Protein backbone atom coordinates (compact mmCIF):
# COMPACT_ATOMS: atom_id res chain seq x y z
CA MET A 1 -22.26 327.24 176.84
CA ALA A 2 -23.13 328.36 180.37
CA GLU A 3 -23.92 331.84 179.10
CA ARG A 4 -26.39 330.45 176.58
CA LEU A 5 -28.10 328.31 179.17
CA LEU A 6 -28.35 331.30 181.47
CA ALA A 7 -29.91 333.27 178.61
CA GLY A 8 -32.61 330.60 178.16
CA LEU A 9 -33.25 330.48 181.89
CA GLY A 10 -33.53 334.26 181.97
CA CYS A 11 -36.15 334.06 179.25
CA LEU A 12 -38.19 331.65 181.38
CA LEU A 13 -37.87 333.98 184.36
CA GLU A 14 -39.11 336.86 182.22
CA PHE A 15 -42.13 334.73 181.31
CA ALA A 16 -42.79 334.07 184.97
CA ASN A 17 -42.79 337.82 185.68
CA ALA A 18 -45.52 338.25 183.10
CA PHE A 19 -47.56 335.27 184.36
CA ASN A 20 -49.86 337.38 186.52
CA SER A 21 -50.79 339.49 183.53
CA LEU A 22 -51.77 336.39 181.58
CA LEU A 23 -54.26 335.02 184.11
CA ASP A 24 -57.16 336.66 182.29
CA ARG A 25 -56.29 334.73 179.11
CA PRO A 26 -55.47 331.21 180.35
CA TRP A 27 -56.20 329.59 177.00
CA LEU A 28 -53.24 331.47 175.46
CA MET A 29 -50.83 330.44 178.15
CA THR A 30 -49.99 327.11 176.56
CA GLU A 31 -49.27 328.73 173.21
CA LEU A 32 -47.16 331.51 174.72
CA LEU A 33 -45.21 329.04 176.81
CA ALA A 34 -44.39 326.96 173.75
CA LYS A 35 -43.32 330.02 171.72
CA HIS A 36 -41.06 331.51 174.34
CA ILE A 37 -39.44 328.26 175.35
CA SER A 38 -38.56 327.93 171.67
CA ARG A 39 -37.40 331.57 171.66
CA GLY A 40 -35.11 330.93 174.61
CA PHE A 41 -33.81 327.81 172.95
CA GLY A 42 -33.20 329.85 169.79
CA ARG A 43 -31.11 332.33 171.75
CA ALA A 44 -29.08 329.50 173.15
CA HIS A 45 -28.66 328.09 169.60
CA PRO A 46 -28.66 331.03 167.18
CA SER A 47 -28.13 328.76 164.21
CA GLY A 48 -29.91 325.77 165.65
CA VAL A 49 -30.35 322.84 163.37
CA VAL A 50 -32.73 319.96 164.01
CA LYS A 51 -32.02 316.65 162.47
CA ASP A 52 -34.65 313.99 162.39
CA GLY A 53 -36.77 316.07 164.77
CA GLU A 54 -34.07 316.47 167.46
CA ALA A 55 -31.49 319.22 168.13
CA CYS A 56 -27.84 318.37 167.71
CA HIS A 57 -25.60 319.07 170.71
CA GLU A 58 -22.06 318.34 169.55
CA ASP A 59 -19.53 320.04 171.80
CA SER A 60 -16.79 320.75 169.30
CA GLY A 61 -15.89 324.15 170.66
CA PRO A 62 -16.95 327.02 172.85
CA GLY A 63 -18.61 329.08 170.11
CA ALA A 64 -22.03 328.95 168.61
CA GLU A 65 -20.49 328.03 165.29
CA ASN A 66 -19.28 324.80 166.81
CA LEU A 67 -22.90 323.75 167.42
CA ARG A 68 -23.81 323.85 163.75
CA VAL A 69 -24.13 320.52 161.96
CA PRO A 70 -23.40 320.34 158.25
CA ALA A 71 -26.63 320.48 156.26
CA SER A 72 -27.88 317.54 154.25
CA SER A 73 -30.97 316.71 152.17
CA GLU A 74 -32.66 315.21 155.26
CA GLU A 75 -32.02 318.23 157.46
CA ARG A 76 -34.81 320.68 158.26
CA THR A 77 -33.95 324.18 159.40
CA TYR A 78 -36.50 326.02 161.54
CA ASP A 79 -36.78 329.75 161.96
CA TYR A 80 -37.09 330.64 165.61
CA ALA A 81 -37.87 334.32 165.01
CA PRO A 82 -39.96 335.57 167.91
CA GLN A 83 -43.63 336.37 167.33
CA PRO A 84 -45.35 339.46 168.69
CA LEU A 85 -47.23 338.78 171.91
CA ARG A 86 -50.42 340.27 173.22
CA VAL A 87 -51.62 340.12 176.81
CA HIS A 88 -55.08 341.28 177.94
CA GLN A 89 -55.06 343.76 180.79
CA PRO A 90 -57.86 345.32 182.79
CA GLU A 91 -58.81 348.79 181.62
CA GLY A 92 -56.54 351.51 183.03
CA ALA A 93 -53.80 349.12 184.16
CA LYS A 94 -50.17 349.97 183.48
CA LEU A 95 -47.70 347.35 182.44
CA THR A 96 -44.17 347.61 183.78
CA THR A 97 -41.50 346.35 181.44
CA SER A 98 -37.82 345.89 181.69
CA SER A 99 -35.49 347.95 179.49
CA ALA A 100 -33.24 345.01 178.96
CA PRO A 101 -33.03 344.03 175.34
CA GLY A 102 -35.07 340.99 174.39
CA HIS A 103 -37.29 341.24 177.46
CA LEU A 104 -40.46 339.15 177.13
CA LEU A 105 -42.77 342.10 177.74
CA ASP A 106 -41.06 344.50 175.35
CA GLU A 107 -43.53 343.54 172.64
CA LEU A 108 -46.71 343.67 174.76
CA PRO A 109 -49.21 346.38 173.81
CA SER A 110 -49.79 349.21 176.20
CA ALA A 111 -53.00 349.59 178.15
CA GLU A 112 -53.92 352.67 176.14
CA GLY A 113 -56.06 350.55 173.76
CA GLU A 114 -53.62 349.39 171.08
CA GLU A 115 -55.44 347.29 168.50
CA ASP A 116 -55.33 343.48 168.66
CA LYS A 117 -53.12 342.15 165.87
CA ALA A 118 -51.90 338.68 166.75
CA ASP A 119 -51.74 335.72 164.42
CA GLY A 120 -55.29 335.55 163.12
CA TYR A 121 -57.06 336.63 166.30
CA GLU A 122 -57.78 340.15 165.03
CA GLY A 123 -60.98 341.68 166.32
CA GLU A 124 -61.95 338.64 168.50
CA GLU A 125 -62.72 338.89 172.18
CA TYR A 126 -61.13 336.45 174.61
CA GLY A 127 -61.38 336.07 178.34
CA ARG A 128 -64.30 336.66 180.68
CA GLU A 129 -65.70 339.98 181.66
CA GLU A 130 -64.37 341.15 184.95
CA HIS A 131 -66.75 342.09 187.72
CA ASP A 132 -66.20 344.06 190.82
CA SER A 133 -66.72 341.94 193.98
CA GLN A 134 -69.23 344.45 195.31
CA GLU A 135 -71.17 344.13 192.05
CA TYR A 136 -71.46 340.37 192.58
CA GLU A 137 -72.69 340.83 196.13
CA ASP A 138 -75.34 343.30 194.96
CA TYR A 139 -76.46 340.83 192.25
CA PHE A 140 -76.99 337.97 194.68
CA GLU A 141 -78.84 340.19 197.12
CA ARG A 142 -81.25 341.17 194.32
CA GLU A 143 -81.76 337.46 193.45
CA LYS A 144 -82.68 336.66 197.03
CA GLU A 145 -85.23 339.46 197.12
CA VAL A 146 -86.81 338.33 193.82
CA GLY A 147 -86.94 334.73 195.02
CA ALA A 148 -88.71 335.76 198.21
CA GLU A 149 -91.24 337.81 196.23
CA ASP A 150 -91.95 334.84 193.95
CA GLY A 151 -92.71 332.68 196.97
CA GLU A 152 -89.70 330.39 196.61
CA ASN A 153 -89.50 328.46 199.83
CA TRP A 154 -87.89 325.04 200.14
CA GLU A 155 -90.14 324.15 203.07
CA GLU A 156 -93.27 324.80 201.02
CA ASP A 157 -91.90 323.03 197.94
CA TYR A 158 -90.64 320.04 199.91
CA GLU A 159 -92.37 316.78 199.02
CA PRO A 160 -92.13 314.06 201.69
CA LEU A 161 -91.16 310.51 200.74
CA PRO A 162 -94.11 308.17 200.07
CA VAL A 163 -95.43 306.18 203.01
CA MET A 164 -94.63 302.47 202.80
CA VAL A 165 -97.77 300.33 202.46
CA PRO A 166 -97.99 297.14 204.55
CA PRO A 167 -98.01 293.99 202.37
CA SER A 168 -101.42 293.02 203.76
CA GLU A 169 -102.93 296.23 202.36
CA TYR A 170 -100.99 296.36 199.09
CA ALA A 171 -103.43 294.30 196.98
CA LYS A 172 -106.40 296.29 198.28
CA LEU A 173 -104.64 299.58 197.55
CA GLN A 174 -103.77 298.44 194.03
CA GLN A 175 -107.41 297.58 193.36
CA GLN A 176 -108.54 301.01 194.61
CA LEU A 177 -105.97 302.78 192.45
CA ARG A 178 -107.00 300.83 189.36
CA ALA A 179 -110.64 301.74 190.02
CA GLN A 180 -109.70 305.43 190.26
CA GLN A 181 -107.48 305.43 187.17
CA THR A 182 -109.81 303.71 184.73
CA ASP A 183 -113.14 304.65 183.25
CA GLU A 184 -113.86 301.07 182.21
CA ASP A 185 -117.34 299.83 183.07
CA PRO A 186 -116.94 297.11 185.76
CA LEU A 187 -119.70 295.10 184.06
CA ASP A 188 -117.50 294.79 180.95
CA LYS A 189 -115.69 291.91 182.68
CA LEU A 190 -118.99 290.05 183.01
CA ARG A 191 -120.00 290.80 179.44
CA SER A 192 -116.86 289.05 178.26
CA ILE A 193 -118.03 285.67 179.62
CA VAL A 194 -121.85 285.77 179.36
CA SER A 195 -124.02 285.17 176.31
CA MET A 196 -125.27 288.01 174.14
CA GLY A 197 -128.95 288.81 173.76
CA HIS A 198 -131.84 288.70 176.21
CA PRO A 199 -132.77 285.44 178.01
CA GLU A 200 -136.49 286.16 177.60
CA ASN A 201 -136.06 285.44 173.90
CA LYS A 202 -135.06 281.87 174.82
CA TYR A 203 -136.67 281.11 178.19
CA ALA A 204 -140.14 281.67 179.61
CA GLU A 205 -140.21 282.00 183.39
CA ALA A 206 -143.00 280.03 185.04
CA GLU A 207 -142.81 280.43 188.84
CA LYS A 208 -140.66 281.73 191.64
CA LEU A 209 -138.90 278.98 193.59
CA GLY A 210 -137.16 280.96 196.30
CA GLN A 211 -135.71 284.26 197.46
CA GLY A 212 -132.34 285.02 198.97
CA SER A 213 -130.11 287.97 199.80
CA TYR A 214 -128.54 287.67 196.33
CA GLY A 215 -131.90 287.77 194.49
CA ALA A 216 -134.51 285.20 193.47
CA VAL A 217 -134.66 281.81 191.71
CA PHE A 218 -137.31 281.07 189.09
CA ARG A 219 -138.38 277.92 187.32
CA ALA A 220 -138.41 278.53 183.56
CA VAL A 221 -138.95 276.62 180.35
CA GLU A 222 -136.63 276.62 177.36
CA MET A 223 -139.04 277.51 174.57
CA ALA A 224 -137.22 275.64 171.82
CA THR A 225 -137.03 272.29 173.66
CA GLY A 226 -139.57 272.48 176.50
CA ARG A 227 -136.83 271.61 179.00
CA GLU A 228 -137.25 272.99 182.53
CA VAL A 229 -134.41 275.11 183.88
CA ALA A 230 -133.75 277.22 186.95
CA ILE A 231 -132.80 280.88 186.44
CA LYS A 232 -131.05 282.58 189.31
CA HIS A 233 -131.29 286.38 189.31
CA ILE A 234 -128.22 287.92 190.96
CA SER A 235 -128.07 291.65 191.69
CA VAL A 236 -124.57 292.83 190.73
CA ASN A 237 -123.60 295.60 193.12
CA GLN A 238 -120.48 297.68 192.58
CA GLY A 239 -117.47 295.69 193.75
CA ASP A 240 -119.25 292.31 193.45
CA GLU A 241 -118.23 291.67 189.83
CA ASP A 242 -115.31 289.38 190.71
CA TYR A 243 -117.45 287.24 193.04
CA VAL A 244 -120.16 286.85 190.40
CA MET A 245 -117.60 285.93 187.76
CA GLN A 246 -116.13 283.38 190.15
CA GLU A 247 -119.53 281.76 190.68
CA ILE A 248 -120.02 281.44 186.91
CA LEU A 249 -116.56 280.05 186.22
CA VAL A 250 -116.58 277.51 189.07
CA GLN A 251 -119.89 276.00 187.99
CA ARG A 252 -119.02 276.18 184.30
CA ASP A 253 -115.62 274.52 184.74
CA HIS A 254 -116.63 271.79 187.19
CA LYS A 255 -118.84 269.28 185.45
CA ASN A 256 -119.65 266.63 188.02
CA PRO A 257 -122.71 264.44 188.72
CA ASN A 258 -122.88 265.94 192.22
CA ILE A 259 -122.63 269.62 191.21
CA VAL A 260 -125.55 271.55 189.71
CA ASN A 261 -124.95 271.81 185.97
CA TYR A 262 -124.30 275.27 184.51
CA LEU A 263 -126.18 275.96 181.25
CA ASP A 264 -125.90 279.64 180.34
CA SER A 265 -125.70 283.19 181.69
CA TYR A 266 -126.87 286.65 180.61
CA LEU A 267 -126.42 290.20 181.78
CA VAL A 268 -129.74 292.05 181.97
CA GLY A 269 -129.03 295.63 182.97
CA ALA A 270 -127.15 295.37 186.28
CA GLU A 271 -128.54 291.89 187.00
CA LEU A 272 -126.98 288.54 186.12
CA TRP A 273 -129.30 285.77 185.01
CA LEU A 274 -127.65 282.43 185.72
CA VAL A 275 -129.32 279.51 183.90
CA LEU A 276 -128.86 276.17 185.71
CA GLU A 277 -130.34 272.70 185.49
CA TYR A 278 -133.57 272.34 187.36
CA LEU A 279 -133.88 269.71 190.12
CA ASP A 280 -137.55 269.20 190.83
CA GLY A 281 -137.07 267.25 194.08
CA GLY A 282 -136.46 270.40 196.11
CA SER A 283 -133.66 271.07 198.55
CA LEU A 284 -132.58 269.03 201.53
CA ALA A 285 -134.01 271.78 203.75
CA ASP A 286 -137.38 271.28 202.03
CA VAL A 287 -137.20 267.54 202.77
CA LEU A 288 -136.44 268.12 206.46
CA GLN A 289 -139.43 270.41 206.79
CA VAL A 290 -141.87 267.70 205.69
CA THR A 291 -140.33 264.37 206.74
CA ARG A 292 -137.61 262.58 208.72
CA MET A 293 -134.68 260.69 207.23
CA ASP A 294 -133.29 257.35 208.33
CA GLU A 295 -129.55 256.68 208.70
CA GLY A 296 -129.35 254.88 205.37
CA GLN A 297 -130.74 257.92 203.53
CA THR A 298 -128.45 260.21 205.54
CA ALA A 299 -125.44 258.11 204.54
CA THR A 300 -126.44 258.30 200.86
CA VAL A 301 -126.73 262.08 200.95
CA CYS A 302 -123.35 262.32 202.73
CA ARG A 303 -121.68 260.11 200.13
CA GLU A 304 -123.04 262.17 197.20
CA CYS A 305 -122.04 265.45 198.86
CA LEU A 306 -118.55 264.16 199.63
CA GLN A 307 -118.06 263.17 195.99
CA GLY A 308 -118.89 266.71 194.90
CA LEU A 309 -116.67 268.22 197.60
CA ASP A 310 -113.76 265.96 196.67
CA CYS A 311 -114.02 267.25 193.09
CA LEU A 312 -114.00 270.89 194.27
CA HIS A 313 -111.26 270.51 196.87
CA SER A 314 -108.99 268.72 194.40
CA ASP A 315 -109.15 271.89 192.29
CA GLY A 316 -108.59 274.26 195.22
CA VAL A 317 -112.23 275.38 195.48
CA ILE A 318 -113.89 275.89 198.89
CA HIS A 319 -117.69 276.05 198.79
CA ARG A 320 -117.95 277.79 202.21
CA ASP A 321 -121.75 277.50 202.49
CA ILE A 322 -122.64 273.82 202.75
CA LYS A 323 -126.08 273.50 204.38
CA GLY A 324 -129.47 271.91 203.73
CA CYS A 325 -130.86 274.61 201.44
CA ASN A 326 -127.78 274.42 199.17
CA ILE A 327 -128.08 270.67 198.60
CA LEU A 328 -130.64 269.91 195.86
CA LEU A 329 -132.37 266.65 195.03
CA GLY A 330 -133.86 265.37 191.80
CA THR A 331 -136.99 263.24 191.56
CA ASP A 332 -134.68 260.38 190.54
CA GLY A 333 -132.86 260.68 193.89
CA SER A 334 -129.80 262.55 192.55
CA VAL A 335 -128.00 264.88 194.99
CA LYS A 336 -126.14 268.00 193.86
CA LEU A 337 -124.32 270.90 195.49
CA ALA A 338 -125.64 274.35 194.56
CA ASP A 339 -125.11 278.09 195.22
CA PHE A 340 -121.43 278.97 194.74
CA GLY A 341 -121.93 282.64 195.52
CA VAL A 342 -119.38 282.70 198.37
CA CYS A 343 -116.96 280.06 197.14
CA ALA A 344 -113.21 280.71 197.32
CA LEU A 345 -110.32 279.68 195.10
CA LEU A 346 -107.00 278.59 196.57
CA THR A 347 -103.66 278.91 194.78
CA PRO A 348 -100.12 277.72 195.57
CA GLU A 349 -99.34 281.30 196.62
CA GLN A 350 -102.53 281.61 198.72
CA ASN A 351 -103.43 278.20 200.10
CA LYS A 352 -105.41 279.60 203.04
CA ARG A 353 -108.22 282.11 203.38
CA THR A 354 -109.16 284.37 206.28
CA SER A 355 -112.34 286.16 205.15
CA TYR A 356 -115.62 285.68 207.01
CA ALA A 357 -118.05 283.82 204.74
CA GLY A 358 -120.91 281.37 205.13
CA THR A 359 -123.85 280.89 207.51
CA PRO A 360 -122.95 281.03 211.24
CA ARG A 361 -124.82 277.87 212.37
CA TRP A 362 -122.82 275.82 209.83
CA MET A 363 -119.50 277.69 210.10
CA ALA A 364 -116.28 276.02 211.24
CA PRO A 365 -114.64 277.41 214.41
CA GLU A 366 -111.57 278.61 212.51
CA ILE A 367 -113.71 280.94 210.40
CA LEU A 368 -115.51 282.30 213.45
CA LYS A 369 -112.16 282.87 215.18
CA GLU A 370 -110.85 284.61 212.05
CA GLU A 371 -107.99 282.13 211.70
CA PRO A 372 -106.54 281.00 208.34
CA TYR A 373 -108.54 278.10 206.93
CA GLY A 374 -108.70 275.73 204.00
CA PRO A 375 -111.10 273.21 202.38
CA LYS A 376 -111.82 271.38 205.63
CA VAL A 377 -114.27 274.11 206.66
CA ASP A 378 -116.67 272.40 204.21
CA ILE A 379 -116.25 269.13 206.12
CA TRP A 380 -117.32 270.81 209.37
CA SER A 381 -120.35 272.27 207.58
CA LEU A 382 -121.26 268.82 206.22
CA GLY A 383 -121.01 267.45 209.78
CA ILE A 384 -123.50 270.06 211.00
CA THR A 385 -125.77 269.21 208.05
CA THR A 386 -125.51 265.52 209.02
CA VAL A 387 -126.68 266.40 212.53
CA GLU A 388 -129.52 268.30 210.86
CA MET A 389 -130.50 265.18 208.88
CA ALA A 390 -130.16 262.85 211.86
CA LYS A 391 -131.84 265.02 214.50
CA GLY A 392 -134.13 267.16 212.33
CA GLU A 393 -132.38 270.43 213.18
CA PRO A 394 -128.81 271.78 213.52
CA PRO A 395 -127.09 272.32 216.90
CA TYR A 396 -128.08 275.47 218.82
CA ALA A 397 -131.32 275.66 216.83
CA SER A 398 -133.10 277.35 219.73
CA GLU A 399 -130.37 279.93 220.28
CA ASN A 400 -130.44 283.45 218.92
CA ASP A 401 -128.51 283.80 215.65
CA SER A 402 -126.21 286.46 217.13
CA LYS A 403 -125.04 284.04 219.86
CA VAL A 404 -124.52 280.92 217.75
CA GLY A 405 -121.11 281.96 216.41
CA ASP A 406 -119.79 282.65 219.91
CA LEU A 407 -121.09 279.30 221.16
CA ILE A 408 -119.42 277.35 218.34
CA ALA A 409 -116.13 279.23 218.78
CA ALA A 410 -116.18 278.69 222.55
CA ASN A 411 -117.54 275.12 222.78
CA GLY A 412 -115.99 273.52 219.71
CA THR A 413 -117.58 270.18 218.85
CA PRO A 414 -121.30 270.48 219.71
CA LYS A 415 -122.85 268.05 222.18
CA LEU A 416 -125.84 266.14 220.87
CA GLN A 417 -128.99 265.55 222.84
CA ASN A 418 -129.67 261.84 223.31
CA PRO A 419 -126.60 260.70 221.33
CA ASP A 420 -127.49 257.06 222.05
CA GLU A 421 -130.29 257.39 219.53
CA LEU A 422 -127.61 257.35 216.81
CA SER A 423 -125.58 254.35 215.77
CA ALA A 424 -121.95 254.12 216.82
CA VAL A 425 -120.76 254.35 213.21
CA LEU A 426 -122.77 257.56 212.66
CA ARG A 427 -121.41 259.06 215.89
CA ASP A 428 -117.89 258.23 214.77
CA PHE A 429 -118.55 259.80 211.37
CA LEU A 430 -119.75 262.98 213.09
CA GLN A 431 -116.67 263.02 215.31
CA CYS A 432 -114.43 262.85 212.22
CA CYS A 433 -116.30 265.79 210.63
CA LEU A 434 -116.66 267.96 213.74
CA GLU A 435 -113.07 267.76 214.98
CA VAL A 436 -111.90 271.20 216.17
CA ASP A 437 -108.26 270.36 215.42
CA VAL A 438 -108.11 270.86 211.65
CA ASP A 439 -105.16 268.50 211.26
CA ARG A 440 -107.18 265.68 212.84
CA ARG A 441 -110.35 266.52 210.92
CA TRP A 442 -110.83 264.13 208.00
CA SER A 443 -110.77 265.27 204.39
CA ALA A 444 -113.49 264.55 201.82
CA LYS A 445 -111.35 261.84 200.24
CA ASP A 446 -110.79 260.18 203.63
CA LEU A 447 -114.46 260.31 204.59
CA LEU A 448 -115.47 258.57 201.36
CA GLN A 449 -113.71 255.54 202.89
CA HIS A 450 -115.47 255.80 206.24
CA PRO A 451 -117.67 252.75 207.07
CA PHE A 452 -120.74 254.94 207.48
CA VAL A 453 -120.37 256.17 203.89
CA THR A 454 -119.25 252.96 202.24
CA ALA A 455 -122.36 251.22 203.61
CA ALA A 456 -124.70 253.80 202.03
CA GLY A 457 -127.35 252.58 199.59
CA PRO A 458 -128.17 253.84 196.05
CA VAL A 459 -129.69 257.24 195.33
CA SER A 460 -132.99 255.55 194.55
CA ASN A 461 -133.46 255.31 198.32
CA LEU A 462 -134.04 259.08 198.27
CA ILE A 463 -136.93 259.08 195.82
CA SER A 464 -139.46 258.74 198.61
CA LEU A 465 -138.12 261.95 200.13
CA THR A 466 -138.65 263.94 196.92
CA HIS A 467 -142.18 262.56 196.62
CA ALA A 468 -142.93 263.84 200.11
CA VAL A 469 -141.77 267.31 199.09
CA LYS A 470 -143.91 267.27 195.94
CA GLU A 471 -147.01 266.21 197.89
CA ALA A 472 -146.42 269.03 200.36
CA ARG A 473 -146.23 271.53 197.50
CA ASN A 474 -149.42 270.23 195.97
CA ARG A 475 -151.25 270.64 199.25
CA VAL A 476 -150.10 274.26 199.45
CA HIS A 477 -151.29 275.01 195.92
């Protein structure tokens, strides 16, 4: 038994001696290993019998014949005859073999080019082509030279990481990128909300009422009904489309007795025609140019303006340009807020604004100081307008326009000349409007409960003011 085991071990050792020659054909190593382990086992068991897939090892005697198990119908006998082997060798190599009988390499072909004839692999090539180490070095040197000629340079091809954009500039950058990446006409946004056709087919303009930086306002007549309307011509410059749309939507969506009623809108070339109700009593600025107002009339105007502001502020809208020329009167004494060209919309995500907007003489200090602000900037502006109604002119009227903003930002609440000429309740009302501390400044809803406002008379008290304006116009014409 020991001799047979030694024979199997010797076979494995023979395989190990040939291992170096098999390195060029690693995929055959598993197969060869299996064959020659079986071959060694066959030498140890010349008449080996496997029963139920396993070899029988009954030690009934020292001879090989004692290892044989009687055959039965379930027994399977396997032939362990060795198969010819073939090992790939580099060209010109000599293979040394042992002369011992049954040596593993006895059956290997010589290096003289004996044909491949091994178990169905005839004529097929296996293994990788061998290269001389110097040949590889020459190859890589050539690649480097070609790469240099082609201009391959990692420093030139390197792309730096993108620069992080501050959150404050992100929205502006997005808008610029969208403008660069689209060929859409910016006026298409306006066309989606205005009426089709030309307004001259429906309205006949009669006279020019005023001129501003935005354009002009004309009185016109609706030809089908004879109703008088005001048509505001707004020049739409590139980048102003969103502001113009905002003006349309705010007036269209806020129907209130104290807000000028929106009727229609048209796009004529690059100019927006905004059709609004016509108030023939003129503006508050027109009234102050021709007559003085008493405190009762001032209180009535304040009450009507506060009602309009309360409606806007409840919806997150800041007018940002409350002043005499943007407060219109009807011949029946009605008072309405107009000109929403610089209004701002607040949202839960953006409940403060920081942009500079309005007219400096009526601006709140927080705007002039470029601090975040909210709807109470309109309350400050109404307070300045109240001073205008009570005294005939706003504070710092004699100062140069360029200095007014600095004076308001530095001095805060303006000091009135001859304040004793005003009633105590009016002075208190002004103090509530012109409070520098925004938290202590009253809101529109609060001011509607102020004694100065609750004591105000009906709008009919203002009819005399509109008559004065009409008489002044007639004298001019």
